Structure formats: structure tokens, C-alpha cells
Amino acid sequence: MLGVIDHSGTEGNDNAKLRRIEEQKVREAAKRAGFEVVGSSDLLRNPADDLSTGVFDPAIRGHTDRFLIKLRKPM
């Protein structure tokens, strides 16, 4: 099992500069590496985060929208 937690990014933003990533890109990379998604959670979601601010900006730090994905690599 592998758990992935990261800051949500959005297409069109400079996610690398903002230290974010699009959830779909993580899912696609995991699939290419042989993993399958077996679960996810909205536990760390924050709809108040507009995804356009860097994760270390004091205005949003500690309150970013994050995704949580549970992966498994079949034997």
C-alpha cells in the first residue's frame, strides 16, 4: 500500500512554482508505475483554497486544499 497526500493544483497555473500538482497527474503517474487506486478521501479538502496561491504563502499556509489517494501495486 502507498498513500499519497499533496497540495491540489489546477491546469493553467504554474503548479511547480506554487508547489502544487493536479491530482489527475498523480493518478496517471501511479498507473504508469503499475499502481491502482484503491481509495481516496476528502478529509484534507479545503474548498476555500482557490489553488492560485503558493502553499507557503502565510495567507493559506496550513489551510491548503490537499488530496489523499490510497494506492496498491498488484503482485
Foldseek 3Di string as FASTA:
>chain_A
DDKDKFFDADPPAPCVVLRHDHPVVVQVVCVVVQKHWPDWDQPLADPVAPRRHRCPPPVCPPNGGMIMTDIDHDD
